Structures are given as structure tokens and as C-alpha cells.
Amino acid sequence: MLRPSADTRPLVATSVLLQRLHDEMPADRFTLGWLMHSLHKRSFGIIMLLLALVAIAPGLSIVAGLLLMIPGFQMITGKPAPVFPHRIATRSLPTRYLATVLQRSVPVLRYLEKLVHPRWHTPLEVTKRAVGAVVLVGRFN
């Protein structure tokens, strides 16, 4: 019996994935490493989405923008998943911050997912590198 490849399996909606993440969060504190491990292959897009949402907060935009450059560069180089320096990946953060971002973003994503449907199948590697380049170029402008 043939197993479906990663490209032929139906894609789980981002809102569903983030809701699962919210339901499985540690009680008090989490690390970026835990977050990336929990997201598996979807970690690039969702990490960048979460960092972009954090970047909206006054005072955090510079730090979040610099952190956005790490996965952007790694996407260009073709990494399968983001890798942050050990010191950043293991730093413990309060779960309430992530919970707040997820609680606010999941309903919006559910709404957007009803409106927006994938139109064309694009090669993942090419798309990932292009998005990484746009993120890096956009950060320097």
C-alpha cells in the first residue's frame, strides 16, 4: 500500500494548527524551541506570522524584526525548518503572551481561510526561498 507523500496529503488549516497549539501549550512558560518542534514542517510560516504579530506591539518591533531576519535568511538558503541560536531557542517566555496572540489571531485566520483558497500548486522550495528573500529585502527598506 502506498503512503501519501507530504505534498499529496491535505493541508491542515493554519487556524486549526494554531488552535491545537493553544490547547497543548505548557501552563506557565514556553520556549521558541518547543514552539518550532510543535509546528514541525509548518514552523517557517507560522513562526514568521507570530513574529510579525508581535512586531505590531510598540517597543517590540525592532527585536521581532531582527528575529524575522533569521528564518527569512534560512528560507533563502533552503533549510527545512528554522533554527535559532541555542540561547534564543531555549529562553523561557510566559505562556500568556503566546496565548493572547493565538486567541486573537485564530478567529481572524478562520475568517480569512473562508475567503482565501489556494489557487495554484507551487513548488514548496521555490516559494519558500522567494518568501525569505522578500522578508529580508523588506526588512532593509
C-alpha atoms as a PDB file:
ATOM      1  CA  MET A   1       0.000   0.000   0.000  1.00  0.00           C
ATOM      2  CA  LEU A   2       1.391   3.390  -0.943  1.00  0.00           C
ATOM      3  CA  ARG A   3       1.619   6.103   1.669  1.00  0.00           C
ATOM      4  CA  PRO A   4       0.684   9.626   0.633  1.00  0.00           C
ATOM      5  CA  SER A   5       3.662  11.894   0.303  1.00  0.00           C
ATOM      6  CA  ALA A   6       3.881  15.136   2.250  1.00  0.00           C
ATOM      7  CA  ASP A   7       2.835  17.038  -0.877  1.00  0.00           C
ATOM      8  CA  THR A   8      -0.319  14.988  -1.567  1.00  0.00           C
ATOM      9  CA  ARG A   9      -1.767  14.931   1.954  1.00  0.00           C
ATOM     10  CA  PRO A  10      -4.454  17.532   2.586  1.00  0.00           C
ATOM     11  CA  LEU A  11      -3.077  20.633   4.262  1.00  0.00           C
ATOM     12  CA  VAL A  12      -4.393  21.326   7.748  1.00  0.00           C
ATOM     13  CA  ALA A  13      -5.685  24.880   8.017  1.00  0.00           C
ATOM     14  CA  THR A  14      -3.386  27.240   9.898  1.00  0.00           C
ATOM     15  CA  SER A  15      -6.207  28.224  12.243  1.00  0.00           C
ATOM     16  CA  VAL A  16      -6.685  24.557  13.196  1.00  0.00           C
ATOM     17  CA  LEU A  17      -2.967  24.099  13.759  1.00  0.00           C
ATOM     18  CA  LEU A  18      -2.764  27.224  15.927  1.00  0.00           C
ATOM     19  CA  GLN A  19      -5.823  26.160  17.925  1.00  0.00           C
ATOM     20  CA  ARG A  20      -4.176  22.786  18.610  1.00  0.00           C
ATOM     21  CA  LEU A  21      -1.024  24.618  19.637  1.00  0.00           C
ATOM     22  CA  HIS A  22      -3.058  26.779  22.022  1.00  0.00           C
ATOM     23  CA  ASP A  23      -4.736  23.708  23.516  1.00  0.00           C
ATOM     24  CA  GLU A  24      -1.383  21.930  24.068  1.00  0.00           C
ATOM     25  CA  MET A  25       0.630  24.877  25.442  1.00  0.00           C
ATOM     26  CA  PRO A  26       2.586  24.460  28.666  1.00  0.00           C
ATOM     27  CA  ALA A  27       0.833  26.025  31.658  1.00  0.00           C
ATOM     28  CA  ASP A  28       3.351  28.696  32.679  1.00  0.00           C
ATOM     29  CA  ARG A  29       6.240  29.101  30.250  1.00  0.00           C
ATOM     30  CA  PHE A  30       7.278  28.005  26.757  1.00  0.00           C
ATOM     31  CA  THR A  31      10.408  28.224  24.616  1.00  0.00           C
ATOM     32  CA  LEU A  32      10.852  29.045  20.946  1.00  0.00           C
ATOM     33  CA  GLY A  33      12.385  25.570  20.591  1.00  0.00           C
ATOM     34  CA  TRP A  34       9.170  23.971  21.912  1.00  0.00           C
ATOM     35  CA  LEU A  35       7.132  26.103  19.529  1.00  0.00           C
ATOM     36  CA  MET A  36       9.193  25.098  16.475  1.00  0.00           C
ATOM     37  CA  HIS A  37       9.114  21.437  17.478  1.00  0.00           C
ATOM     38  CA  SER A  38       5.330  21.582  17.915  1.00  0.00           C
ATOM     39  CA  LEU A  39       4.821  23.105  14.463  1.00  0.00           C
ATOM     40  CA  HIS A  40       7.029  20.608  12.569  1.00  0.00           C
ATOM     41  CA  LYS A  41       7.228  21.430   8.841  1.00  0.00           C
ATOM     42  CA  ARG A  42       4.840  24.380   9.144  1.00  0.00           C
ATOM     43  CA  SER A  43       7.188  26.178  11.515  1.00  0.00           C
ATOM     44  CA  PHE A  44       8.607  28.673   8.988  1.00  0.00           C
ATOM     45  CA  GLY A  45       5.322  30.273   8.056  1.00  0.00           C
ATOM     46  CA  ILE A  46       3.737  30.201  11.473  1.00  0.00           C
ATOM     47  CA  ILE A  47       6.865  31.403  13.304  1.00  0.00           C
ATOM     48  CA  MET A  48       7.060  34.302  10.866  1.00  0.00           C
ATOM     49  CA  LEU A  49       3.346  35.032  11.288  1.00  0.00           C
ATOM     50  CA  LEU A  50       3.651  35.060  15.078  1.00  0.00           C
ATOM     51  CA  LEU A  51       6.789  37.239  14.978  1.00  0.00           C
ATOM     52  CA  ALA A  52       5.019  39.652  12.626  1.00  0.00           C
ATOM     53  CA  LEU A  53       2.075  39.862  15.022  1.00  0.00           C
ATOM     54  CA  VAL A  54       4.464  40.515  17.920  1.00  0.00           C
ATOM     55  CA  ALA A  55       6.204  43.181  15.829  1.00  0.00           C
ATOM     56  CA  ILE A  56       2.978  45.196  15.848  1.00  0.00           C
ATOM     57  CA  ALA A  57       3.375  45.838  19.591  1.00  0.00           C
ATOM     58  CA  PRO A  58       5.137  49.108  20.405  1.00  0.00           C
ATOM     59  CA  GLY A  59       8.646  48.591  21.711  1.00  0.00           C
ATOM     60  CA  LEU A  60       8.911  45.031  20.398  1.00  0.00           C
ATOM     61  CA  SER A  61       9.064  45.803  16.687  1.00  0.00           C
ATOM     62  CA  ILE A  62      12.851  46.116  16.487  1.00  0.00           C
ATOM     63  CA  VAL A  63      13.504  42.828  18.287  1.00  0.00           C
ATOM     64  CA  ALA A  64      10.779  40.977  16.372  1.00  0.00           C
ATOM     65  CA  GLY A  65      12.063  42.445  13.095  1.00  0.00           C
ATOM     66  CA  LEU A  66      15.575  41.229  13.794  1.00  0.00           C
ATOM     67  CA  LEU A  67      14.239  37.803  14.738  1.00  0.00           C
ATOM     68  CA  LEU A  68      12.246  37.744  11.475  1.00  0.00           C
ATOM     69  CA  MET A  69      15.510  38.030   9.575  1.00  0.00           C
ATOM     70  CA  ILE A  70      16.741  34.685  10.941  1.00  0.00           C
ATOM     71  CA  PRO A  71      14.039  32.494   9.352  1.00  0.00           C
ATOM     72  CA  GLY A  72      13.993  34.729   6.257  1.00  0.00           C
ATOM     73  CA  PHE A  73      17.675  34.053   5.614  1.00  0.00           C
ATOM     74  CA  GLN A  74      17.246  30.356   6.383  1.00  0.00           C
ATOM     75  CA  MET A  75      14.377  30.127   3.888  1.00  0.00           C
ATOM     76  CA  ILE A  76      16.621  31.564   1.181  1.00  0.00           C
ATOM     77  CA  THR A  77      19.326  29.013   1.960  1.00  0.00           C
ATOM     78  CA  GLY A  78      16.822  26.147   1.732  1.00  0.00           C
ATOM     79  CA  LYS A  79      16.714  24.966   5.354  1.00  0.00           C
ATOM     80  CA  PRO A  80      13.830  22.531   6.028  1.00  0.00           C
ATOM     81  CA  ALA A  81      12.854  24.306   9.266  1.00  0.00           C
ATOM     82  CA  PRO A  82      14.033  27.391  11.157  1.00  0.00           C
ATOM     83  CA  VAL A  83      16.948  27.026  13.531  1.00  0.00           C
ATOM     84  CA  PHE A  84      17.504  29.727  16.121  1.00  0.00           C
ATOM     85  CA  PRO A  85      20.654  30.090  18.207  1.00  0.00           C
ATOM     86  CA  HIS A  86      20.502  27.868  21.311  1.00  0.00           C
ATOM     87  CA  ARG A  87      20.332  30.856  23.634  1.00  0.00           C
ATOM     88  CA  ILE A  88      17.239  32.208  21.856  1.00  0.00           C
ATOM     89  CA  ALA A  89      15.583  28.810  21.302  1.00  0.00           C
ATOM     90  CA  THR A  90      15.851  27.814  24.971  1.00  0.00           C
ATOM     91  CA  ARG A  91      14.888  31.125  26.532  1.00  0.00           C
ATOM     92  CA  SER A  92      11.722  30.703  28.542  1.00  0.00           C
ATOM     93  CA  LEU A  93       8.814  33.069  27.863  1.00  0.00           C
ATOM     94  CA  PRO A  94       5.468  33.456  29.658  1.00  0.00           C
ATOM     95  CA  THR A  95       2.748  31.358  28.030  1.00  0.00           C
ATOM     96  CA  ARG A  96       0.200  34.121  28.485  1.00  0.00           C
ATOM     97  CA  TYR A  97       1.881  36.168  25.717  1.00  0.00           C
ATOM     98  CA  LEU A  98       1.604  33.361  23.188  1.00  0.00           C
ATOM     99  CA  ALA A  99      -1.915  32.529  24.391  1.00  0.00           C
ATOM    100  CA  THR A 100      -3.012  36.128  23.823  1.00  0.00           C
ATOM    101  CA  VAL A 101      -1.575  36.225  20.293  1.00  0.00           C
ATOM    102  CA  LEU A 102      -3.190  32.884  19.443  1.00  0.00           C
ATOM    103  CA  GLN A 103      -6.573  33.791  20.929  1.00  0.00           C
ATOM    104  CA  ARG A 104      -6.678  36.951  18.841  1.00  0.00           C
ATOM    105  CA  SER A 105      -5.305  35.513  15.619  1.00  0.00           C
ATOM    106  CA  VAL A 106      -7.232  32.208  15.346  1.00  0.00           C
ATOM    107  CA  PRO A 107     -10.690  33.797  14.759  1.00  0.00           C
ATOM    108  CA  VAL A 108      -9.226  36.196  12.186  1.00  0.00           C
ATOM    109  CA  LEU A 109      -7.449  33.348  10.397  1.00  0.00           C
ATOM    110  CA  ARG A 110     -10.645  31.267  10.352  1.00  0.00           C
ATOM    111  CA  TYR A 111     -12.435  34.153   8.652  1.00  0.00           C
ATOM    112  CA  LEU A 112      -9.623  34.696   6.143  1.00  0.00           C
ATOM    113  CA  GLU A 113      -9.393  30.977   5.370  1.00  0.00           C
ATOM    114  CA  LYS A 114     -13.054  31.030   4.308  1.00  0.00           C
ATOM    115  CA  LEU A 115     -12.308  33.846   1.866  1.00  0.00           C
ATOM    116  CA  VAL A 116      -8.928  32.757   0.526  1.00  0.00           C
ATOM    117  CA  HIS A 117      -8.394  29.378  -1.094  1.00  0.00           C
ATOM    118  CA  PRO A 118      -5.192  28.073  -2.675  1.00  0.00           C
ATOM    119  CA  ARG A 119      -5.433  28.654  -6.400  1.00  0.00           C
ATOM    120  CA  TRP A 120      -2.289  27.082  -7.856  1.00  0.00           C
ATOM    121  CA  HIS A 121       0.061  24.452  -6.596  1.00  0.00           C
ATOM    122  CA  THR A 122       3.516  25.996  -6.304  1.00  0.00           C
ATOM    123  CA  PRO A 123       6.754  24.148  -5.614  1.00  0.00           C
ATOM    124  CA  LEU A 124       7.407  24.488  -1.887  1.00  0.00           C
ATOM    125  CA  GLU A 125      11.170  25.017  -2.116  1.00  0.00           C
ATOM    126  CA  VAL A 126      10.927  27.781  -4.717  1.00  0.00           C
ATOM    127  CA  THR A 127       8.124  29.521  -2.835  1.00  0.00           C
ATOM    128  CA  LYS A 128       9.952  29.269   0.485  1.00  0.00           C
ATOM    129  CA  ARG A 129      13.111  30.842  -0.921  1.00  0.00           C
ATOM    130  CA  ALA A 130      11.167  33.633  -2.623  1.00  0.00           C
ATOM    131  CA  VAL A 131       9.304  34.499   0.577  1.00  0.00           C
ATOM    132  CA  GLY A 132      12.569  34.504   2.531  1.00  0.00           C
ATOM    133  CA  ALA A 133      14.097  36.922   0.041  1.00  0.00           C
ATOM    134  CA  VAL A 134      11.090  39.245   0.241  1.00  0.00           C
ATOM    135  CA  VAL A 135      11.269  39.247   4.057  1.00  0.00           C
ATOM    136  CA  LEU A 136      14.967  40.132   4.063  1.00  0.00           C
ATOM    137  CA  VAL A 137      14.678  42.793   1.383  1.00  0.00           C
ATOM    138  CA  GLY A 138      11.611  44.277   3.073  1.00  0.00           C
ATOM    139  CA  ARG A 139      13.441  44.460   6.412  1.00  0.00           C
ATOM    140  CA  PHE A 140      16.226  46.591   4.916  1.00  0.00           C
ATOM    141  CA  ASN A 141      13.873  49.106   3.287  1.00  0.00           C
END
